[in-house]
């Protein structure tokens, strides 16, 4: 467990949902009290600088290159519904745009996730960084 500081100086013990290791291995699915121990899965990120892996950039690259299966390697349930995974990833990319004016309103996000609205192709989330 890692202590996460609050803005008021207090700390809270919490497990990270996603950990980025120096050797570019991303791990997920920590043990949680509610669900008990889970199998730990590893994902390899392809980055030039080992200490600078950014999950959002890697996810966008996987989407852009048509390799969403890399995001869910080892998760057969997720692999069985790649269409839904693509909707979730595209929606997430819209929500993390660096330019806040490009981010959709929450009611639009809900329609995207529910499938009642087609999710447009998102731009590179870092394309507008100055």
N, C-alpha and C. Protein backbone atom coordinates (compact mmCIF):
# COMPACT_ATOMS: atom_id res chain seq x y z
N UNK A 1 0.85 -1.17 0.00
CA UNK A 1 0.00 0.00 0.00
C UNK A 1 0.89 1.24 0.00
N UNK A 2 0.47 2.23 -0.74
CA UNK A 2 1.23 3.47 -0.84
C UNK A 2 0.41 4.59 -0.23
N UNK A 3 1.07 5.48 0.49
CA UNK A 3 0.38 6.62 1.08
C UNK A 3 0.24 7.71 0.03
N UNK A 4 -0.97 8.16 -0.19
CA UNK A 4 -1.25 9.23 -1.14
C UNK A 4 -1.62 10.49 -0.36
N UNK A 5 -0.86 11.58 -0.51
CA UNK A 5 -1.16 12.79 0.25
C UNK A 5 -2.39 13.52 -0.29
N UNK A 6 -3.19 14.06 0.61
CA UNK A 6 -4.29 14.93 0.24
C UNK A 6 -3.78 16.36 0.24
N UNK A 7 -4.55 17.27 -0.33
CA UNK A 7 -4.13 18.66 -0.38
C UNK A 7 -4.06 19.28 1.01
N UNK A 8 -4.78 18.70 1.99
CA UNK A 8 -4.76 19.26 3.34
C UNK A 8 -3.65 18.66 4.20
N UNK A 9 -2.75 17.87 3.59
CA UNK A 9 -1.61 17.33 4.32
C UNK A 9 -1.82 15.94 4.88
N UNK A 10 -3.07 15.46 4.95
CA UNK A 10 -3.32 14.10 5.43
C UNK A 10 -2.88 13.10 4.38
N UNK A 11 -2.72 11.87 4.79
CA UNK A 11 -2.38 10.82 3.84
C UNK A 11 -3.42 9.72 3.91
N UNK A 12 -3.61 9.05 2.81
CA UNK A 12 -4.55 7.93 2.75
C UNK A 12 -3.81 6.72 2.20
N UNK A 13 -4.00 5.58 2.81
CA UNK A 13 -3.42 4.35 2.29
C UNK A 13 -4.32 3.85 1.17
N UNK A 14 -3.72 3.56 0.02
CA UNK A 14 -4.49 3.06 -1.11
C UNK A 14 -3.58 2.30 -2.05
N UNK A 15 -4.16 1.33 -2.74
CA UNK A 15 -3.40 0.61 -3.75
C UNK A 15 -3.63 1.29 -5.09
N UNK A 16 -2.60 1.36 -5.89
CA UNK A 16 -2.74 1.93 -7.23
C UNK A 16 -3.45 0.91 -8.11
N UNK A 17 -4.38 1.38 -8.93
CA UNK A 17 -5.06 0.49 -9.86
C UNK A 17 -4.14 0.10 -11.00
N UNK A 18 -3.26 1.00 -11.37
CA UNK A 18 -2.31 0.71 -12.44
C UNK A 18 -0.94 1.19 -11.97
N UNK A 19 0.04 0.33 -12.13
CA UNK A 19 1.40 0.67 -11.75
C UNK A 19 2.25 0.68 -13.01
N UNK A 20 3.14 1.65 -13.12
CA UNK A 20 4.07 1.70 -14.25
C UNK A 20 5.45 1.42 -13.69
N UNK A 21 6.08 0.39 -14.19
CA UNK A 21 7.40 0.02 -13.73
C UNK A 21 8.46 0.62 -14.64
N UNK A 22 9.65 0.76 -14.14
CA UNK A 22 10.75 1.32 -14.91
C UNK A 22 11.06 0.48 -16.14
N UNK A 23 10.87 -0.83 -16.07
CA UNK A 23 11.18 -1.69 -17.22
C UNK A 23 10.03 -1.74 -18.22
N UNK A 24 9.13 -0.77 -18.17
CA UNK A 24 8.02 -0.62 -19.11
C UNK A 24 6.91 -1.64 -18.96
N UNK A 25 6.88 -2.41 -17.88
CA UNK A 25 5.81 -3.37 -17.69
C UNK A 25 4.71 -2.70 -16.88
N UNK A 26 3.50 -2.70 -17.43
CA UNK A 26 2.35 -2.14 -16.74
C UNK A 26 1.61 -3.28 -16.08
N UNK A 27 1.25 -3.14 -14.81
CA UNK A 27 0.50 -4.19 -14.14
C UNK A 27 -0.83 -3.64 -13.70
N UNK A 28 -1.83 -4.51 -13.65
CA UNK A 28 -3.16 -4.08 -13.23
C UNK A 28 -3.77 -5.14 -12.34
N UNK A 29 -5.03 -4.92 -11.95
CA UNK A 29 -5.81 -5.86 -11.15
C UNK A 29 -5.17 -6.18 -9.80
N UNK A 30 -5.05 -5.20 -8.91
CA UNK A 30 -4.50 -5.48 -7.59
C UNK A 30 -5.49 -6.30 -6.78
N UNK A 31 -5.01 -6.92 -5.71
CA UNK A 31 -5.91 -7.60 -4.80
C UNK A 31 -6.77 -6.54 -4.13
N UNK A 32 -8.05 -6.80 -4.05
CA UNK A 32 -8.94 -5.87 -3.37
C UNK A 32 -9.71 -6.63 -2.31
N UNK A 33 -9.99 -6.00 -1.17
CA UNK A 33 -10.70 -6.70 -0.11
C UNK A 33 -12.07 -7.18 -0.56
N UNK A 34 -12.76 -6.42 -1.40
CA UNK A 34 -14.11 -6.78 -1.82
C UNK A 34 -14.13 -8.00 -2.73
N UNK A 35 -13.13 -8.16 -3.56
CA UNK A 35 -13.16 -9.23 -4.54
C UNK A 35 -12.14 -10.32 -4.27
N UNK A 36 -11.28 -10.14 -3.29
CA UNK A 36 -10.26 -11.14 -3.01
C UNK A 36 -9.11 -11.04 -3.99
N UNK A 37 -8.14 -11.94 -3.88
CA UNK A 37 -6.98 -11.87 -4.76
C UNK A 37 -7.34 -12.12 -6.21
N UNK A 38 -6.68 -11.41 -7.10
CA UNK A 38 -6.89 -11.59 -8.54
C UNK A 38 -5.56 -11.92 -9.19
N UNK A 39 -5.65 -12.51 -10.35
CA UNK A 39 -4.44 -12.80 -11.12
C UNK A 39 -3.85 -11.49 -11.60
N UNK A 40 -2.54 -11.34 -11.48
CA UNK A 40 -1.89 -10.11 -11.93
C UNK A 40 -1.49 -10.28 -13.39
N UNK A 41 -1.75 -9.25 -14.19
CA UNK A 41 -1.47 -9.29 -15.61
C UNK A 41 -0.41 -8.25 -15.94
N UNK A 42 0.42 -8.54 -16.92
CA UNK A 42 1.46 -7.60 -17.32
C UNK A 42 1.28 -7.21 -18.77
N UNK A 43 1.63 -5.97 -19.08
CA UNK A 43 1.55 -5.45 -20.43
C UNK A 43 2.87 -4.77 -20.73
N UNK A 44 3.40 -5.00 -21.91
CA UNK A 44 4.67 -4.39 -22.30
C UNK A 44 4.40 -3.12 -23.10
N UNK A 45 4.98 -2.03 -22.69
CA UNK A 45 4.86 -0.78 -23.42
C UNK A 45 6.11 -0.60 -24.28
N UNK A 46 5.94 -0.08 -25.48
CA UNK A 46 7.07 0.14 -26.38
C UNK A 46 7.41 1.62 -26.38
N UNK A 47 8.34 2.01 -25.52
CA UNK A 47 8.74 3.41 -25.42
C UNK A 47 10.25 3.51 -25.49
N UNK A 48 10.73 4.66 -25.93
CA UNK A 48 12.18 4.85 -26.06
C UNK A 48 12.83 5.08 -24.70
N UNK A 49 12.24 5.90 -23.86
CA UNK A 49 12.81 6.20 -22.55
C UNK A 49 12.08 5.37 -21.51
N UNK A 50 12.78 4.45 -20.87
CA UNK A 50 12.15 3.51 -19.96
C UNK A 50 11.38 4.17 -18.83
N UNK A 51 11.79 5.32 -18.36
CA UNK A 51 11.13 5.96 -17.23
C UNK A 51 9.96 6.85 -17.60
N UNK A 52 9.66 6.98 -18.88
CA UNK A 52 8.67 7.95 -19.31
C UNK A 52 7.43 7.33 -19.96
N UNK A 53 7.08 6.11 -19.64
CA UNK A 53 5.88 5.49 -20.20
C UNK A 53 4.64 6.20 -19.65
N UNK A 54 3.76 6.64 -20.53
CA UNK A 54 2.52 7.29 -20.13
C UNK A 54 1.38 6.43 -20.66
N UNK A 55 0.57 5.93 -19.76
CA UNK A 55 -0.48 4.99 -20.13
C UNK A 55 -1.42 5.57 -21.18
N UNK A 56 -1.82 6.83 -21.04
CA UNK A 56 -2.75 7.43 -22.00
C UNK A 56 -2.15 7.49 -23.40
N UNK A 57 -0.86 7.82 -23.50
CA UNK A 57 -0.20 7.86 -24.81
C UNK A 57 -0.12 6.48 -25.42
N UNK A 58 0.21 5.50 -24.61
CA UNK A 58 0.30 4.13 -25.10
C UNK A 58 -1.06 3.63 -25.57
N UNK A 59 -2.11 3.94 -24.81
CA UNK A 59 -3.46 3.52 -25.20
C UNK A 59 -3.86 4.18 -26.52
N UNK A 60 -3.54 5.48 -26.68
CA UNK A 60 -3.85 6.14 -27.95
C UNK A 60 -3.08 5.50 -29.10
N UNK A 61 -1.80 5.20 -28.88
CA UNK A 61 -1.01 4.57 -29.93
C UNK A 61 -1.59 3.21 -30.31
N UNK A 62 -2.01 2.43 -29.32
CA UNK A 62 -2.65 1.13 -29.61
C UNK A 62 -3.91 1.33 -30.43
N UNK A 63 -4.73 2.31 -30.06
CA UNK A 63 -5.96 2.60 -30.81
C UNK A 63 -5.61 3.02 -32.24
N UNK A 64 -4.71 3.98 -32.36
CA UNK A 64 -4.35 4.55 -33.66
C UNK A 64 -3.76 3.50 -34.60
N UNK A 65 -3.03 2.54 -34.05
CA UNK A 65 -2.40 1.49 -34.85
C UNK A 65 -3.28 0.26 -35.03
N UNK A 66 -4.51 0.33 -34.50
CA UNK A 66 -5.43 -0.81 -34.63
C UNK A 66 -5.01 -2.01 -33.81
N UNK A 67 -4.38 -1.77 -32.69
CA UNK A 67 -3.87 -2.86 -31.85
C UNK A 67 -4.49 -2.81 -30.45
N UNK A 68 -5.81 -2.63 -30.37
CA UNK A 68 -6.48 -2.56 -29.07
C UNK A 68 -6.31 -3.84 -28.27
N UNK A 69 -6.09 -4.95 -28.94
CA UNK A 69 -5.91 -6.21 -28.23
C UNK A 69 -4.73 -6.16 -27.26
N UNK A 70 -3.74 -5.30 -27.54
CA UNK A 70 -2.60 -5.16 -26.63
C UNK A 70 -3.02 -4.57 -25.28
N UNK A 71 -4.07 -3.75 -25.29
CA UNK A 71 -4.55 -3.13 -24.05
C UNK A 71 -5.19 -4.14 -23.12
N UNK A 72 -5.70 -5.23 -23.67
CA UNK A 72 -6.41 -6.22 -22.87
C UNK A 72 -5.77 -7.60 -22.99
N UNK A 73 -4.47 -7.63 -23.23
CA UNK A 73 -3.76 -8.91 -23.37
C UNK A 73 -4.03 -9.78 -22.15
N UNK A 74 -4.44 -11.00 -22.39
CA UNK A 74 -4.71 -11.93 -21.30
C UNK A 74 -6.11 -11.85 -20.73
N UNK A 75 -6.93 -10.92 -21.19
CA UNK A 75 -8.30 -10.78 -20.71
C UNK A 75 -9.24 -11.27 -21.80
N UNK A 76 -9.57 -12.55 -21.76
CA UNK A 76 -10.37 -13.16 -22.82
C UNK A 76 -11.78 -12.56 -22.91
N UNK A 77 -12.34 -12.15 -21.78
CA UNK A 77 -13.67 -11.55 -21.79
C UNK A 77 -13.65 -10.23 -22.58
N UNK A 78 -12.65 -9.41 -22.34
CA UNK A 78 -12.54 -8.14 -23.07
C UNK A 78 -12.25 -8.39 -24.54
N UNK A 79 -11.41 -9.37 -24.83
CA UNK A 79 -11.08 -9.69 -26.22
C UNK A 79 -12.30 -10.19 -26.99
N UNK A 80 -13.25 -10.78 -26.28
CA UNK A 80 -14.43 -11.33 -26.96
C UNK A 80 -15.40 -10.24 -27.41
N UNK A 81 -15.22 -9.00 -26.95
CA UNK A 81 -16.10 -7.90 -27.35
C UNK A 81 -15.25 -6.68 -27.71
N UNK A 82 -14.51 -6.81 -28.80
CA UNK A 82 -13.61 -5.74 -29.22
C UNK A 82 -14.36 -4.48 -29.65
N UNK A 83 -15.59 -4.63 -30.13
CA UNK A 83 -16.37 -3.46 -30.54
C UNK A 83 -16.65 -2.56 -29.32
N UNK A 84 -17.05 -3.17 -28.22
CA UNK A 84 -17.30 -2.40 -27.00
C UNK A 84 -16.01 -1.80 -26.47
N UNK A 85 -14.92 -2.56 -26.51
CA UNK A 85 -13.63 -2.04 -26.09
C UNK A 85 -13.25 -0.81 -26.90
N UNK A 86 -13.46 -0.86 -28.21
CA UNK A 86 -13.13 0.29 -29.05
C UNK A 86 -13.97 1.51 -28.66
N UNK A 87 -15.24 1.30 -28.38
CA UNK A 87 -16.11 2.41 -27.94
C UNK A 87 -15.57 3.02 -26.65
N UNK A 88 -15.20 2.17 -25.69
CA UNK A 88 -14.69 2.66 -24.41
C UNK A 88 -13.38 3.42 -24.58
N UNK A 89 -12.48 2.88 -25.39
CA UNK A 89 -11.18 3.53 -25.59
C UNK A 89 -11.35 4.86 -26.32
N UNK A 90 -12.16 4.88 -27.38
CA UNK A 90 -12.38 6.14 -28.11
C UNK A 90 -13.00 7.19 -27.20
N UNK A 91 -13.97 6.78 -26.38
CA UNK A 91 -14.61 7.72 -25.45
C UNK A 91 -13.59 8.24 -24.45
N UNK A 92 -12.76 7.35 -23.93
CA UNK A 92 -11.73 7.77 -22.97
C UNK A 92 -10.76 8.76 -23.59
N UNK A 93 -10.39 8.52 -24.84
CA UNK A 93 -9.46 9.43 -25.51
C UNK A 93 -10.09 10.81 -25.67
N UNK A 94 -11.38 10.86 -25.98
CA UNK A 94 -12.06 12.16 -26.04
C UNK A 94 -12.01 12.86 -24.68
N UNK A 95 -12.18 12.09 -23.60
CA UNK A 95 -12.25 12.67 -22.26
C UNK A 95 -10.91 13.17 -21.73
N UNK A 96 -9.80 12.74 -22.32
CA UNK A 96 -8.48 13.16 -21.83
C UNK A 96 -7.80 14.16 -22.76
N UNK A 97 -8.54 14.77 -23.65
CA UNK A 97 -7.96 15.75 -24.56
C UNK A 97 -7.30 16.88 -23.76
N UNK A 98 -6.11 17.27 -24.18
CA UNK A 98 -5.38 18.36 -23.51
C UNK A 98 -6.15 19.68 -23.62
N UNK A 99 -6.80 19.90 -24.74
CA UNK A 99 -7.60 21.11 -24.93
C UNK A 99 -8.99 20.86 -24.34
N UNK A 100 -9.32 21.49 -23.21
CA UNK A 100 -10.59 21.23 -22.54
C UNK A 100 -11.82 21.49 -23.42
N UNK A 101 -11.70 22.37 -24.40
CA UNK A 101 -12.85 22.66 -25.26
C UNK A 101 -13.19 21.48 -26.16
N UNK A 102 -12.28 20.54 -26.32
CA UNK A 102 -12.53 19.36 -27.14
C UNK A 102 -13.18 18.22 -26.35
N UNK A 103 -13.13 18.29 -25.03
CA UNK A 103 -13.71 17.23 -24.20
C UNK A 103 -15.23 17.29 -24.24
N UNK A 104 -15.88 16.13 -24.39
CA UNK A 104 -17.35 16.12 -24.45
C UNK A 104 -17.97 16.34 -23.06
N UNK A 105 -19.20 16.85 -23.05
CA UNK A 105 -19.96 16.99 -21.81
C UNK A 105 -20.33 15.59 -21.31
N UNK A 106 -20.58 15.46 -20.02
CA UNK A 106 -20.86 14.14 -19.45
C UNK A 106 -22.10 13.49 -20.05
N UNK A 107 -23.11 14.26 -20.43
CA UNK A 107 -24.29 13.64 -21.03
C UNK A 107 -23.94 13.01 -22.38
N UNK A 108 -23.02 13.63 -23.12
CA UNK A 108 -22.55 13.07 -24.39
C UNK A 108 -21.73 11.81 -24.11
N UNK A 109 -20.88 11.85 -23.09
CA UNK A 109 -20.08 10.68 -22.72
C UNK A 109 -21.00 9.50 -22.39
N UNK A 110 -22.06 9.75 -21.64
CA UNK A 110 -23.00 8.68 -21.29
C UNK A 110 -23.64 8.08 -22.54
N UNK A 111 -24.03 8.92 -23.49
CA UNK A 111 -24.62 8.42 -24.74
C UNK A 111 -23.60 7.59 -25.52
N UNK A 112 -22.35 8.04 -25.53
CA UNK A 112 -21.30 7.27 -26.22
C UNK A 112 -21.13 5.90 -25.59
N UNK A 113 -21.03 5.86 -24.26
CA UNK A 113 -20.80 4.60 -23.55
C UNK A 113 -21.99 3.66 -23.63
N UNK A 114 -23.20 4.21 -23.68
CA UNK A 114 -24.40 3.38 -23.78
C UNK A 114 -24.66 2.89 -25.19
N UNK A 115 -23.95 3.45 -26.16
CA UNK A 115 -24.13 3.02 -27.54
C UNK A 115 -25.27 3.72 -28.25
N UNK A 116 -25.88 4.72 -27.63
CA UNK A 116 -26.98 5.44 -28.27
C UNK A 116 -26.47 6.57 -29.16
N UNK A 117 -25.16 6.73 -29.21
CA UNK A 117 -24.54 7.74 -30.05
C UNK A 117 -23.24 7.17 -30.60
N UNK A 118 -22.98 7.38 -31.87
CA UNK A 118 -21.73 6.91 -32.45
C UNK A 118 -20.57 7.76 -31.92
N UNK A 119 -19.47 7.11 -31.58
CA UNK A 119 -18.30 7.82 -31.07
C UNK A 119 -17.43 8.23 -32.25
N UNK A 120 -17.26 9.55 -32.47
CA UNK A 120 -16.40 9.99 -33.56
C UNK A 120 -14.94 9.63 -33.30
N UNK A 121 -14.17 9.58 -34.36
CA UNK A 121 -12.74 9.30 -34.23
C UNK A 121 -12.07 10.43 -33.45
N UNK A 122 -11.42 10.10 -32.33
CA UNK A 122 -10.79 11.15 -31.52
C UNK A 122 -9.45 11.58 -32.09
N UNK A 123 -9.09 12.85 -31.87
CA UNK A 123 -7.76 13.31 -32.28
C UNK A 123 -6.72 12.84 -31.26
N UNK A 124 -5.46 12.95 -31.63
CA UNK A 124 -4.37 12.65 -30.71
C UNK A 124 -4.52 13.59 -29.51
N UNK A 125 -4.60 13.04 -28.29
CA UNK A 125 -4.82 13.90 -27.12
C UNK A 125 -3.70 14.89 -26.84
N UNK A 126 -2.53 14.67 -27.40
CA UNK A 126 -1.41 15.59 -27.15
C UNK A 126 -1.14 16.52 -28.32
N UNK A 127 -1.97 16.47 -29.35
CA UNK A 127 -1.73 17.25 -30.57
C UNK A 127 -1.81 18.76 -30.34
N UNK A 128 -2.51 19.19 -29.30
CA UNK A 128 -2.72 20.62 -29.11
C UNK A 128 -1.89 21.20 -27.98
N UNK A 129 -0.90 20.45 -27.51
CA UNK A 129 -0.02 20.96 -26.45
C UNK A 129 0.91 22.00 -27.06
N UNK A 130 1.02 23.13 -26.40
CA UNK A 130 1.86 24.23 -26.91
C UNK A 130 3.22 24.17 -26.31
